[in-house]
PDB file of N, CA and C in Angstrom:
ATOM      1  N   MET A   1     -20.974  23.327 -21.851  1.00  0.00           N
ATOM      2  CA  MET A   1     -20.601  22.049 -21.275  1.00  0.00           C
ATOM      3  C   MET A   1     -21.135  20.950 -22.192  1.00  0.00           C
ATOM      4  N   SER A   2     -20.232  20.308 -22.903  1.00  0.00           N
ATOM      5  CA  SER A   2     -20.660  19.228 -23.776  1.00  0.00           C
ATOM      6  C   SER A   2     -20.284  17.896 -23.150  1.00  0.00           C
ATOM      7  N   ARG A   3     -21.244  16.978 -23.175  1.00  0.00           N
ATOM      8  CA  ARG A   3     -21.017  15.637 -22.631  1.00  0.00           C
ATOM      9  C   ARG A   3     -21.151  14.628 -23.751  1.00  0.00           C
ATOM     10  N   THR A   4     -20.196  13.752 -23.812  1.00  0.00           N
ATOM     11  CA  THR A   4     -20.254  12.685 -24.804  1.00  0.00           C
ATOM     12  C   THR A   4     -21.055  11.522 -24.209  1.00  0.00           C
ATOM     13  N   PRO A   5     -21.530  10.618 -25.070  1.00  0.00           N
ATOM     14  CA  PRO A   5     -22.215   9.432 -24.547  1.00  0.00           C
ATOM     15  C   PRO A   5     -21.321   8.644 -23.572  1.00  0.00           C
ATOM     16  N   LYS A   6     -20.013   8.670 -23.828  1.00  0.00           N
ATOM     17  CA  LYS A   6     -19.061   7.990 -22.929  1.00  0.00           C
ATOM     18  C   LYS A   6     -19.095   8.628 -21.531  1.00  0.00           C
ATOM     19  N   ASP A   7     -19.147   9.977 -21.472  1.00  0.00           N
ATOM     20  CA  ASP A   7     -19.220  10.678 -20.185  1.00  0.00           C
ATOM     21  C   ASP A   7     -20.493  10.301 -19.436  1.00  0.00           C
ATOM     22  N   VAL A   8     -21.606  10.293 -20.146  1.00  0.00           N
ATOM     23  CA  VAL A   8     -22.897   9.981 -19.526  1.00  0.00           C
ATOM     24  C   VAL A   8     -22.902   8.543 -19.012  1.00  0.00           C
ATOM     25  N   LYS A   9     -22.338   7.621 -19.781  1.00  0.00           N
ATOM     26  CA  LYS A   9     -22.263   6.218 -19.347  1.00  0.00           C
ATOM     27  C   LYS A   9     -21.403   6.094 -18.090  1.00  0.00           C
ATOM     28  N   HIS A  10     -20.278   6.814 -18.084  1.00  0.00           N
ATOM     29  CA  HIS A  10     -19.396   6.772 -16.905  1.00  0.00           C
ATOM     30  C   HIS A  10     -20.130   7.323 -15.676  1.00  0.00           C
ATOM     31  N   MET A  11     -20.876   8.404 -15.856  1.00  0.00           N
ATOM     32  CA  MET A  11     -21.646   8.980 -14.741  1.00  0.00           C
ATOM     33  C   MET A  11     -22.685   7.983 -14.237  1.00  0.00           C
ATOM     34  N   ALA A  12     -23.361   7.300 -15.149  1.00  0.00           N
ATOM     35  CA  ALA A  12     -24.355   6.299 -14.755  1.00  0.00           C
ATOM     36  C   ALA A  12     -23.691   5.150 -13.998  1.00  0.00           C
ATOM     37  N   ASP A  13     -22.518   4.734 -14.455  1.00  0.00           N
ATOM     38  CA  ASP A  13     -21.786   3.664 -13.770  1.00  0.00           C
ATOM     39  C   ASP A  13     -21.403   4.072 -12.350  1.00  0.00           C
ATOM     40  N   VAL A  14     -20.980   5.323 -12.192  1.00  0.00           N
ATOM     41  CA  VAL A  14     -20.601   5.824 -10.864  1.00  0.00           C
ATOM     42  C   VAL A  14     -21.817   5.821  -9.934  1.00  0.00           C
ATOM     43  N   LEU A  15     -22.970   6.204 -10.454  1.00  0.00           N
ATOM     44  CA  LEU A  15     -24.198   6.176  -9.650  1.00  0.00           C
ATOM     45  C   LEU A  15     -24.555   4.741  -9.247  1.00  0.00           C
ATOM     46  N   LYS A  16     -24.392   3.804 -10.176  1.00  0.00           N
ATOM     47  CA  LYS A  16     -24.686   2.398  -9.884  1.00  0.00           C
ATOM     48  C   LYS A  16     -23.772   1.843  -8.797  1.00  0.00           C
ATOM     49  N   GLN A  17     -22.567   2.405  -8.706  1.00  0.00           N
ATOM     50  CA  GLN A  17     -21.600   1.949  -7.706  1.00  0.00           C
ATOM     51  C   GLN A  17     -21.857   2.569  -6.331  1.00  0.00           C
ATOM     52  N   GLY A  18     -22.858   3.431  -6.239  1.00  0.00           N
ATOM     53  CA  GLY A  18     -23.235   3.975  -4.941  1.00  0.00           C
ATOM     54  C   GLY A  18     -22.898   5.430  -4.709  1.00  0.00           C
ATOM     55  N   ALA A  19     -22.334   6.100  -5.696  1.00  0.00           N
ATOM     56  CA  ALA A  19     -22.051   7.526  -5.545  1.00  0.00           C
ATOM     57  C   ALA A  19     -23.362   8.308  -5.593  1.00  0.00           C
ATOM     58  N   THR A  20     -23.320   9.523  -5.079  1.00  0.00           N
ATOM     59  CA  THR A  20     -24.489  10.389  -5.048  1.00  0.00           C
ATOM     60  C   THR A  20     -24.230  11.622  -5.904  1.00  0.00           C
ATOM     61  N   LEU A  21     -25.188  11.983  -6.716  1.00  0.00           N
ATOM     62  CA  LEU A  21     -25.106  13.196  -7.514  1.00  0.00           C
ATOM     63  C   LEU A  21     -25.316  14.384  -6.578  1.00  0.00           C
ATOM     64  N   THR A  22     -24.463  15.402  -6.672  1.00  0.00           N
ATOM     65  CA  THR A  22     -24.582  16.572  -5.804  1.00  0.00           C
ATOM     66  C   THR A  22     -25.103  17.773  -6.590  1.00  0.00           C
ATOM     67  N   GLU A  23     -25.353  18.855  -5.878  1.00  0.00           N
ATOM     68  CA  GLU A  23     -25.791  20.093  -6.511  1.00  0.00           C
ATOM     69  C   GLU A  23     -24.606  20.916  -7.018  1.00  0.00           C
ATOM     70  N   PHE A  24     -23.389  20.460  -6.750  1.00  0.00           N
ATOM     71  CA  PHE A  24     -22.188  21.190  -7.131  1.00  0.00           C
ATOM     72  C   PHE A  24     -21.782  20.862  -8.567  1.00  0.00           C
ATOM     73  N   ALA A  25     -21.097  21.824  -9.195  1.00  0.00           N
ATOM     74  CA  ALA A  25     -20.558  21.623 -10.535  1.00  0.00           C
ATOM     75  C   ALA A  25     -19.049  21.767 -10.492  1.00  0.00           C
ATOM     76  N   CYS A  26     -18.384  21.068 -11.369  1.00  0.00           N
ATOM     77  CA  CYS A  26     -16.928  21.125 -11.455  1.00  0.00           C
ATOM     78  C   CYS A  26     -16.499  22.538 -11.864  1.00  0.00           C
ATOM     79  N   PRO A  27     -15.533  23.109 -11.148  1.00  0.00           N
ATOM     80  CA  PRO A  27     -15.074  24.448 -11.521  1.00  0.00           C
ATOM     81  C   PRO A  27     -14.320  24.475 -12.850  1.00  0.00           C
ATOM     82  N   ALA A  28     -13.829  23.329 -13.294  1.00  0.00           N
ATOM     83  CA  ALA A  28     -13.063  23.281 -14.542  1.00  0.00           C
ATOM     84  C   ALA A  28     -13.937  23.043 -15.770  1.00  0.00           C
ATOM     85  N   CYS A  29     -14.920  22.128 -15.659  1.00  0.00           N
ATOM     86  CA  CYS A  29     -15.693  21.756 -16.855  1.00  0.00           C
ATOM     87  C   CYS A  29     -17.203  21.934 -16.688  1.00  0.00           C
ATOM     88  N   ALA A  30     -17.643  22.283 -15.493  1.00  0.00           N
ATOM     89  CA  ALA A  30     -19.058  22.529 -15.181  1.00  0.00           C
ATOM     90  C   ALA A  30     -19.922  21.268 -15.169  1.00  0.00           C
ATOM     91  N   SER A  31     -19.305  20.101 -15.217  1.00  0.00           N
ATOM     92  CA  SER A  31     -20.063  18.853 -15.100  1.00  0.00           C
ATOM     93  C   SER A  31     -20.499  18.667 -13.646  1.00  0.00           C
ATOM     94  N   PRO A  32     -21.565  17.904 -13.431  1.00  0.00           N
ATOM     95  CA  PRO A  32     -21.997  17.680 -12.043  1.00  0.00           C
ATOM     96  C   PRO A  32     -20.957  16.876 -11.269  1.00  0.00           C
ATOM     97  N   LEU A  33     -20.877  17.177  -9.980  1.00  0.00           N
ATOM     98  CA  LEU A  33     -19.944  16.460  -9.112  1.00  0.00           C
ATOM     99  C   LEU A  33     -20.671  15.333  -8.393  1.00  0.00           C
ATOM    100  N   PHE A  34     -19.954  14.278  -8.102  1.00  0.00           N
ATOM    101  CA  PHE A  34     -20.487  13.119  -7.409  1.00  0.00           C
ATOM    102  C   PHE A  34     -19.786  12.968  -6.072  1.00  0.00           C
ATOM    103  N   ARG A  35     -20.546  12.543  -5.063  1.00  0.00           N
ATOM    104  CA  ARG A  35     -19.972  12.281  -3.740  1.00  0.00           C
ATOM    105  C   ARG A  35     -19.901  10.772  -3.563  1.00  0.00           C
ATOM    106  N   PHE A  36     -18.674  10.289  -3.337  1.00  0.00           N
ATOM    107  CA  PHE A  36     -18.477   8.865  -3.104  1.00  0.00           C
ATOM    108  C   PHE A  36     -18.761   8.536  -1.648  1.00  0.00           C
ATOM    109  N   LYS A  37     -18.900   7.260  -1.353  1.00  0.00           N
ATOM    110  CA  LYS A  37     -19.201   6.818   0.012  1.00  0.00           C
ATOM    111  C   LYS A  37     -18.131   7.282   0.994  1.00  0.00           C
ATOM    112  N   SER A  38     -16.915   7.493   0.502  1.00  0.00           N
ATOM    113  CA  SER A  38     -15.811   7.970   1.352  1.00  0.00           C
ATOM    114  C   SER A  38     -15.982   9.440   1.720  1.00  0.00           C
ATOM    115  N   GLY A  39     -16.925  10.128   1.051  1.00  0.00           N
ATOM    116  CA  GLY A  39     -17.154  11.544   1.312  1.00  0.00           C
ATOM    117  C   GLY A  39     -16.473  12.456   0.302  1.00  0.00           C
ATOM    118  N   GLU A  40     -15.627  11.895  -0.547  1.00  0.00           N
ATOM    119  CA  GLU A  40     -14.911  12.690  -1.540  1.00  0.00           C
ATOM    120  C   GLU A  40     -15.854  13.150  -2.644  1.00  0.00           C
ATOM    121  N   LEU A  41     -15.634  14.399  -3.077  1.00  0.00           N
ATOM    122  CA  LEU A  41     -16.335  14.914  -4.252  1.00  0.00           C
ATOM    123  C   LEU A  41     -15.464  14.621  -5.462  1.00  0.00           C
ATOM    124  N   TRP A  42     -16.094  14.221  -6.570  1.00  0.00           N
ATOM    125  CA  TRP A  42     -15.336  13.801  -7.733  1.00  0.00           C
ATOM    126  C   TRP A  42     -15.998  14.294  -9.004  1.00  0.00           C
ATOM    127  N   CYS A  43     -15.181  14.808  -9.926  1.00  0.00           N
ATOM    128  CA  CYS A  43     -15.664  15.126 -11.260  1.00  0.00           C
ATOM    129  C   CYS A  43     -15.349  13.932 -12.138  1.00  0.00           C
ATOM    130  N   VAL A  44     -16.390  13.276 -12.616  1.00  0.00           N
ATOM    131  CA  VAL A  44     -16.220  12.075 -13.428  1.00  0.00           C
ATOM    132  C   VAL A  44     -15.631  12.442 -14.787  1.00  0.00           C
ATOM    133  N   LYS A  45     -16.035  13.560 -15.341  1.00  0.00           N
ATOM    134  CA  LYS A  45     -15.551  13.954 -16.664  1.00  0.00           C
ATOM    135  C   LYS A  45     -14.057  14.288 -16.628  1.00  0.00           C
ATOM    136  N   CYS A  46     -13.629  15.057 -15.635  1.00  0.00           N
ATOM    137  CA  CYS A  46     -12.205  15.407 -15.512  1.00  0.00           C
ATOM    138  C   CYS A  46     -11.392  14.289 -14.854  1.00  0.00           C
ATOM    139  N   ASP A  47     -12.095  13.371 -14.200  1.00  0.00           N
ATOM    140  CA  ASP A  47     -11.475  12.287 -13.445  1.00  0.00           C
ATOM    141  C   ASP A  47     -10.538  12.849 -12.376  1.00  0.00           C
ATOM    142  N   LYS A  48     -11.083  13.809 -11.607  1.00  0.00           N
ATOM    143  CA  LYS A  48     -10.306  14.460 -10.552  1.00  0.00           C
ATOM    144  C   LYS A  48     -11.167  14.675  -9.316  1.00  0.00           C
ATOM    145  N   ARG A  49     -10.508  14.646  -8.180  1.00  0.00           N
ATOM    146  CA  ARG A  49     -11.147  14.975  -6.915  1.00  0.00           C
ATOM    147  C   ARG A  49     -11.317  16.490  -6.846  1.00  0.00           C
ATOM    148  N   VAL A  50     -12.426  16.923  -6.275  1.00  0.00           N
ATOM    149  CA  VAL A  50     -12.706  18.347  -6.121  1.00  0.00           C
ATOM    150  C   VAL A  50     -12.900  18.624  -4.635  1.00  0.00           C
ATOM    151  N   VAL A  51     -12.251  19.679  -4.154  1.00  0.00           N
ATOM    152  CA  VAL A  51     -12.354  20.045  -2.750  1.00  0.00           C
ATOM    153  C   VAL A  51     -13.084  21.376  -2.663  1.00  0.00           C
ATOM    154  N   VAL A  52     -14.102  21.435  -1.819  1.00  0.00           N
ATOM    155  CA  VAL A  52     -14.853  22.661  -1.604  1.00  0.00           C
ATOM    156  C   VAL A  52     -14.356  23.295  -0.308  1.00  0.00           C
ATOM    157  N   LEU A  53     -13.886  24.536  -0.413  1.00  0.00           N
ATOM    158  CA  LEU A  53     -13.406  25.250   0.760  1.00  0.00           C
ATOM    159  C   LEU A  53     -14.555  25.974   1.430  1.00  0.00           C
ATOM    160  N   LYS A  54     -14.577  25.910   2.751  1.00  0.00           N
ATOM    161  CA  LYS A  54     -15.551  26.672   3.508  1.00  0.00           C
ATOM    162  C   LYS A  54     -15.018  28.096   3.659  1.00  0.00           C
ATOM    163  N   GLU A  55     -15.904  29.032   3.871  1.00  0.00           N
ATOM    164  CA  GLU A  55     -15.500  30.419   4.005  1.00  0.00           C
ATOM    165  C   GLU A  55     -14.480  30.564   5.131  1.00  0.00           C
ATOM    166  N   GLY A  56     -13.371  31.205   4.811  1.00  0.00           N
ATOM    167  CA  GLY A  56     -12.319  31.433   5.789  1.00  0.00           C
ATOM    168  C   GLY A  56     -11.351  30.265   5.946  1.00  0.00           C
ATOM    169  N   GLU A  57     -11.590  29.176   5.258  1.00  0.00           N
ATOM    170  CA  GLU A  57     -10.738  28.000   5.375  1.00  0.00           C
ATOM    171  C   GLU A  57      -9.468  28.189   4.535  1.00  0.00           C
ATOM    172  N   SER A  58      -8.351  27.773   5.074  1.00  0.00           N
ATOM    173  CA  SER A  58      -7.061  27.929   4.427  1.00  0.00           C
ATOM    174  C   SER A  58      -6.869  26.904   3.312  1.00  0.00           C
ATOM    175  N   THR A  59      -6.489  27.393   2.147  1.00  0.00           N
ATOM    176  CA  THR A  59      -6.215  26.513   1.012  1.00  0.00           C
ATOM    177  C   THR A  59      -5.059  25.574   1.329  1.00  0.00           C
ATOM    178  N   GLU A  60      -4.032  26.112   1.965  1.00  0.00           N
ATOM    179  CA  GLU A  60      -2.851  25.305   2.281  1.00  0.00           C
ATOM    180  C   GLU A  60      -3.208  24.138   3.197  1.00  0.00           C
ATOM    181  N   ARG A  61      -4.083  24.388   4.165  1.00  0.00           N
ATOM    182  CA  ARG A  61      -4.464  23.333   5.109  1.00  0.00           C
ATOM    183  C   ARG A  61      -5.230  22.223   4.381  1.00  0.00           C
ATOM    184  N   VAL A  62      -6.138  22.611   3.518  1.00  0.00           N
ATOM    185  CA  VAL A  62      -6.937  21.630   2.788  1.00  0.00           C
ATOM    186  C   VAL A  62      -6.059  20.829   1.832  1.00  0.00           C
ATOM    187  N   VAL A  63      -5.146  21.504   1.147  1.00  0.00           N
ATOM    188  CA  VAL A  63      -4.233  20.813   0.232  1.00  0.00           C
ATOM    189  C   VAL A  63      -3.342  19.859   1.028  1.00  0.00           C
ATOM    190  N   GLY A  64      -2.877  20.302   2.178  1.00  0.00           N
ATOM    191  CA  GLY A  64      -2.047  19.446   3.030  1.00  0.00           C
ATOM    192  C   GLY A  64      -2.798  18.206   3.475  1.00  0.00           C
ATOM    193  N   GLN A  65      -4.055  18.361   3.856  1.00  0.00           N
ATOM    194  CA  GLN A  65      -4.869  17.209   4.260  1.00  0.00           C
ATOM    195  C   GLN A  65      -5.065  16.245   3.091  1.00  0.00           C
ATOM    196  N   ALA A  66      -5.276  16.780   1.905  1.00  0.00           N
ATOM    197  CA  ALA A  66      -5.459  15.936   0.726  1.00  0.00           C
ATOM    198  C   ALA A  66      -4.177  15.157   0.421  1.00  0.00           C
ATOM    199  N   ARG A  67      -3.043  15.801   0.582  1.00  0.00           N
ATOM    200  CA  ARG A  67      -1.771  15.115   0.343  1.00  0.00           C
ATOM    201  C   ARG A  67      -1.553  14.007   1.364  1.00  0.00           C
ATOM    202  N   LEU A  68      -1.883  14.291   2.615  1.00  0.00           N
ATOM    203  CA  LEU A  68      -1.740  13.262   3.646  1.00  0.00           C
ATOM    204  C   LEU A  68      -2.661  12.077   3.370  1.00  0.00           C
ATOM    205  N   ALA A  69      -3.877  12.358   2.934  1.00  0.00           N
ATOM    206  CA  ALA A  69      -4.819  11.284   2.615  1.00  0.00           C
ATOM    207  C   ALA A  69      -4.313  10.458   1.442  1.00  0.00           C
ATOM    208  N   SER A  70      -3.750  11.113   0.448  1.00  0.00           N
ATOM    209  CA  SER A  70      -3.197  10.409  -0.705  1.00  0.00           C
ATOM    210  C   SER A  70      -2.013   9.541  -0.292  1.00  0.00           C
ATOM    211  N   LEU A  71      -1.163  10.082   0.554  1.00  0.00           N
ATOM    212  CA  LEU A  71      -0.008   9.327   1.047  1.00  0.00           C
ATOM    213  C   LEU A  71      -0.458   8.120   1.868  1.00  0.00           C
ATOM    214  N   GLU A  72      -1.476   8.318   2.683  1.00  0.00           N
ATOM    215  CA  GLU A  72      -2.013   7.207   3.473  1.00  0.00           C
ATOM    216  C   GLU A  72      -2.526   6.087   2.563  1.00  0.00           C
ATOM    217  N   ASN A  73      -3.253   6.455   1.526  1.00  0.00           N
ATOM    218  CA  ASN A  73      -3.756   5.452   0.576  1.00  0.00           C
ATOM    219  C   ASN A  73      -2.608   4.700  -0.089  1.00  0.00           C
ATOM    220  N   THR A  74      -1.562   5.415  -0.448  1.00  0.00           N
ATOM    221  CA  THR A  74      -0.403   4.776  -1.079  1.00  0.00           C
ATOM    222  C   THR A  74       0.260   3.789  -0.125  1.00  0.00           C
ATOM    223  N   ILE A  75       0.440   4.194   1.123  1.00  0.00           N
ATOM    224  CA  ILE A  75       1.053   3.305   2.117  1.00  0.00           C
ATOM    225  C   ILE A  75       0.198   2.061   2.310  1.00  0.00           C
ATOM    226  N   LEU A  76      -1.118   2.225   2.414  1.00  0.00           N
ATOM    227  CA  LEU A  76      -2.004   1.080   2.598  1.00  0.00           C
ATOM    228  C   LEU A  76      -1.964   0.138   1.396  1.00  0.00           C
ATOM    229  N   GLU A  77      -1.890   0.699   0.201  1.00  0.00           N
ATOM    230  CA  GLU A  77      -1.789  -0.136  -1.001  1.00  0.00           C
ATOM    231  C   GLU A  77      -0.483  -0.931  -0.993  1.00  0.00           C
ATOM    232  N   LYS A  78       0.606  -0.279  -0.607  1.00  0.00           N
ATOM    233  CA  LYS A  78       1.903  -0.966  -0.549  1.00  0.00           C
ATOM    234  C   LYS A  78       1.887  -2.062   0.511  1.00  0.00           C
ATOM    235  N   MET A  79       1.213  -1.800   1.622  1.00  0.00           N
ATOM    236  CA  MET A  79       1.111  -2.816   2.665  1.00  0.00           C
ATOM    237  C   MET A  79       0.364  -4.045   2.155  1.00  0.00           C
ATOM    238  N   GLN A  80      -0.675  -3.832   1.370  1.00  0.00           N
ATOM    239  CA  GLN A  80      -1.411  -4.962   0.789  1.00  0.00           C
ATOM    240  C   GLN A  80      -0.526  -5.761  -0.162  1.00  0.00           C
ATOM    241  N   THR A  81       0.280  -5.052  -0.942  1.00  0.00           N
ATOM    242  CA  THR A  81       1.188  -5.722  -1.873  1.00  0.00           C
ATOM    243  C   THR A  81       2.203  -6.573  -1.113  1.00  0.00           C
ATOM    244  N   VAL A  82       2.774  -6.002  -0.053  1.00  0.00           N
ATOM    245  CA  VAL A  82       3.762  -6.731   0.747  1.00  0.00           C
ATOM    246  C   VAL A  82       3.103  -7.922   1.437  1.00  0.00           C
ATOM    247  N   GLU A  83       1.895  -7.719   1.942  1.00  0.00           N
ATOM    248  CA  GLU A  83       1.178  -8.816   2.604  1.00  0.00           C
ATOM    249  C   GLU A  83       0.985  -9.988   1.649  1.00  0.00           C
ATOM    250  N   LYS A  84       0.610  -9.688   0.430  1.00  0.00           N
ATOM    251  CA  LYS A  84       0.413 -10.748  -0.566  1.00  0.00           C
ATOM    252  C   LYS A  84       1.719 -11.485  -0.835  1.00  0.00           C
ATOM    253  N   LYS A  85       2.815 -10.737  -0.947  1.00  0.00           N
ATOM    254  CA  LYS A  85       4.117 -11.365  -1.194  1.00  0.00           C
ATOM    255  C   LYS A  85       4.543 -12.225  -0.006  1.00  0.00           C
ATOM    256  N   ILE A  86       4.245 -11.774   1.209  1.00  0.00           N
ATOM    257  CA  ILE A  86       4.586 -12.561   2.404  1.00  0.00           C
ATOM    258  C   ILE A  86       3.846 -13.896   2.375  1.00  0.00           C
ATOM    259  N   ARG A  87       2.562 -13.854   2.025  1.00  0.00           N
ATOM    260  CA  ARG A  87       1.775 -15.085   1.967  1.00  0.00           C
ATOM    261  C   ARG A  87       2.344 -16.099   0.979  1.00  0.00           C
ATOM    262  N   GLU A  88       2.896 -15.595  -0.111  1.00  0.00           N
ATOM    263  CA  GLU A  88       3.381 -16.465  -1.172  1.00  0.00           C
ATOM    264  C   GLU A  88       4.846 -16.882  -1.006  1.00  0.00           C
ATOM    265  N   GLU A  89       5.607 -16.142  -0.196  1.00  0.00           N
ATOM    266  CA  GLU A  89       7.047 -16.371  -0.089  1.00  0.00           C
ATOM    267  C   GLU A  89       7.383 -17.575   0.785  1.00  0.00           C
ATOM    268  N   GLU A  90       8.346 -18.356   0.349  1.00  0.00           N
ATOM    269  CA  GLU A  90       8.814 -19.534   1.089  1.00  0.00           C
ATOM    270  C   GLU A  90      10.219 -19.311   1.650  1.00  0.00           C
ATOM    271  N   ASN A  91      11.010 -18.492   0.996  1.00  0.00           N
ATOM    272  CA  ASN A  91      12.403 -18.258   1.372  1.00  0.00           C
ATOM    273  C   ASN A  91      12.486 -17.388   2.628  1.00  0.00           C
ATOM    274  N   ALA A  92      13.201 -17.881   3.641  1.00  0.00           N
ATOM    275  CA  ALA A  92      13.299 -17.178   4.924  1.00  0.00           C
ATOM    276  C   ALA A  92      13.985 -15.820   4.791  1.00  0.00           C
ATOM    277  N   ASP A  93      15.026 -15.740   3.964  1.00  0.00           N
ATOM    278  CA  ASP A  93      15.721 -14.457   3.772  1.00  0.00           C
ATOM    279  C   ASP A  93      14.793 -13.422   3.142  1.00  0.00           C
ATOM    280  N   GLU A  94      14.037 -13.848   2.168  1.00  0.00           N
ATOM    281  CA  GLU A  94      13.084 -12.943   1.518  1.00  0.00           C
ATOM    282  C   GLU A  94      11.980 -12.527   2.492  1.00  0.00           C
ATOM    283  N   LEU A  95      11.548 -13.458   3.330  1.00  0.00           N
ATOM    284  CA  LEU A  95      10.531 -13.126   4.336  1.00  0.00           C
ATOM    285  C   LEU A  95      11.043 -12.077   5.304  1.00  0.00           C
ATOM    286  N   GLN A  96      12.317 -12.163   5.681  1.00  0.00           N
ATOM    287  CA  GLN A  96      12.897 -11.148   6.571  1.00  0.00           C
ATOM    288  C   GLN A  96      12.899  -9.782   5.901  1.00  0.00           C
ATOM    289  N   LYS A  97      13.268  -9.742   4.614  1.00  0.00           N
ATOM    290  CA  LYS A  97      13.271  -8.477   3.879  1.00  0.00           C
ATOM    291  C   LYS A  97      11.854  -7.892   3.794  1.00  0.00           C
ATOM    292  N   LEU A  98      10.900  -8.749   3.485  1.00  0.00           N
ATOM    293  CA  LEU A  98       9.514  -8.292   3.393  1.00  0.00           C
ATOM    294  C   LEU A  98       9.002  -7.804   4.748  1.00  0.00           C
ATOM    295  N   ASN A  99       9.400  -8.493   5.807  1.00  0.00           N
ATOM    296  CA  ASN A  99       9.012  -8.074   7.154  1.00  0.00           C
ATOM    297  C   ASN A  99       9.581  -6.694   7.479  1.00  0.00           C
ATOM    298  N   ALA A 100      10.820  -6.445   7.062  1.00  0.00           N
ATOM    299  CA  ALA A 100      11.431  -5.132   7.294  1.00  0.00           C
ATOM    300  C   ALA A 100      10.676  -4.040   6.530  1.00  0.00           C
ATOM    301  N   VAL A 101      10.295  -4.345   5.307  1.00  0.00           N
ATOM    302  CA  VAL A 101       9.530  -3.374   4.510  1.00  0.00           C
ATOM    303  C   VAL A 101       8.183  -3.103   5.170  1.00  0.00           C
ATOM    304  N   LEU A 102       7.516  -4.165   5.608  1.00  0.00           N
ATOM    305  CA  LEU A 102       6.214  -4.002   6.261  1.00  0.00           C
ATOM    306  C   LEU A 102       6.339  -3.188   7.543  1.00  0.00           C
ATOM    307  N   SER A 103       7.378  -3.450   8.323  1.00  0.00           N
ATOM    308  CA  SER A 103       7.600  -2.688   9.558  1.00  0.00           C
ATOM    309  C   SER A 103       7.811  -1.207   9.255  1.00  0.00           C
ATOM    310  N   SER A 104       8.573  -0.928   8.216  1.00  0.00           N
ATOM    311  CA  SER A 104       8.816   0.453   7.816  1.00  0.00           C
ATOM    312  C   SER A 104       7.525   1.143   7.377  1.00  0.00           C
ATOM    313  N   LEU A 105       6.710   0.428   6.618  1.00  0.00           N
ATOM    314  CA  LEU A 105       5.424   0.987   6.183  1.00  0.00           C
ATOM    315  C   LEU A 105       4.507   1.255   7.375  1.00  0.00           C
ATOM    316  N   LEU A 106       4.502   0.341   8.341  1.00  0.00           N
ATOM    317  CA  LEU A 106       3.679   0.534   9.542  1.00  0.00           C
ATOM    318  C   LEU A 106       4.149   1.745  10.343  1.00  0.00           C
ATOM    319  N   GLU A 107       5.465   1.922  10.458  1.00  0.00           N
ATOM    320  CA  GLU A 107       5.996   3.100  11.150  1.00  0.00           C
ATOM    321  C   GLU A 107       5.591   4.384  10.432  1.00  0.00           C
ATOM    322  N   SER A 108       5.670   4.358   9.105  1.00  0.00           N
ATOM    323  CA  SER A 108       5.271   5.533   8.317  1.00  0.00           C
ATOM    324  C   SER A 108       3.797   5.843   8.511  1.00  0.00           C
ATOM    325  N   LEU A 109       2.981   4.807   8.539  1.00  0.00           N
ATOM    326  CA  LEU A 109       1.544   5.002   8.742  1.00  0.00           C
ATOM    327  C   LEU A 109       1.263   5.576  10.126  1.00  0.00           C
ATOM    328  N   GLU A 110       1.982   5.092  11.115  1.00  0.00           N
ATOM    329  CA  GLU A 110       1.809   5.609  12.481  1.00  0.00           C
ATOM    330  C   GLU A 110       2.194   7.088  12.555  1.00  0.00           C
ATOM    331  N   LYS A 111       3.312   7.461  11.946  1.00  0.00           N
ATOM    332  CA  LYS A 111       3.735   8.871  11.922  1.00  0.00           C
ATOM    333  C   LYS A 111       2.707   9.732  11.193  1.00  0.00           C
ATOM    334  N   LEU A 112       2.205   9.226  10.101  1.00  0.00           N
ATOM    335  CA  LEU A 112       1.213   9.945   9.319  1.00  0.00           C
ATOM    336  C   LEU A 112      -0.054  10.194  10.148  1.00  0.00           C
ATOM    337  N   ASN A 113      -0.494   9.163  10.865  1.00  0.00           N
ATOM    338  CA  ASN A 113      -1.691   9.307  11.699  1.00  0.00           C
ATOM    339  C   ASN A 113      -1.475  10.315  12.818  1.00  0.00           C
ATOM    340  N   LYS A 114      -0.260  10.386  13.354  1.00  0.00           N
ATOM    341  CA  LYS A 114       0.039  11.404  14.377  1.00  0.00           C
ATOM    342  C   LYS A 114      -0.020  12.802  13.789  1.00  0.00           C
ATOM    343  N   MET A 115       0.438  12.948  12.538  1.00  0.00           N
ATOM    344  CA  MET A 115       0.400  14.253  11.875  1.00  0.00           C
ATOM    345  C   MET A 115      -1.043  14.704  11.616  1.00  0.00           C
ATOM    346  N   LYS A 116      -1.903  13.748  11.308  1.00  0.00           N
ATOM    347  CA  LYS A 116      -3.302  14.059  11.005  1.00  0.00           C
ATOM    348  C   LYS A 116      -4.097  14.415  12.261  1.00  0.00           C
ATOM    349  N   ALA A 117      -3.651  13.915  13.403  1.00  0.00           N
ATOM    350  CA  ALA A 117      -4.408  14.124  14.653  1.00  0.00           C
ATOM    351  C   ALA A 117      -4.277  15.543  15.168  1.00  0.00           C
TER     352      ALA A 117
END
């Protein structure tokens, strides 16, 4: 496992941002894993999320949960983008279009939350 000064600096930056160094190592590169405040485990060197399966836990279920979480983040990001455009928009026709997009995103988020429950 070779670490460049850039890798070490990135790891230090992640710690400064509030992440916690864990006892786990990345299965791909053997670098230490960090736990973010959100609870996610992350390999800073590979720049990838790492999921630890508990004994007997289904891989498909965990992958499905990760996909749902990723989709939720995407929807929330799009909602923020639309919200910003609504604040800036003056044209009533454009506001109606943006409102329709926002309504659709909210419906998608609601369906997603039902799937997660």
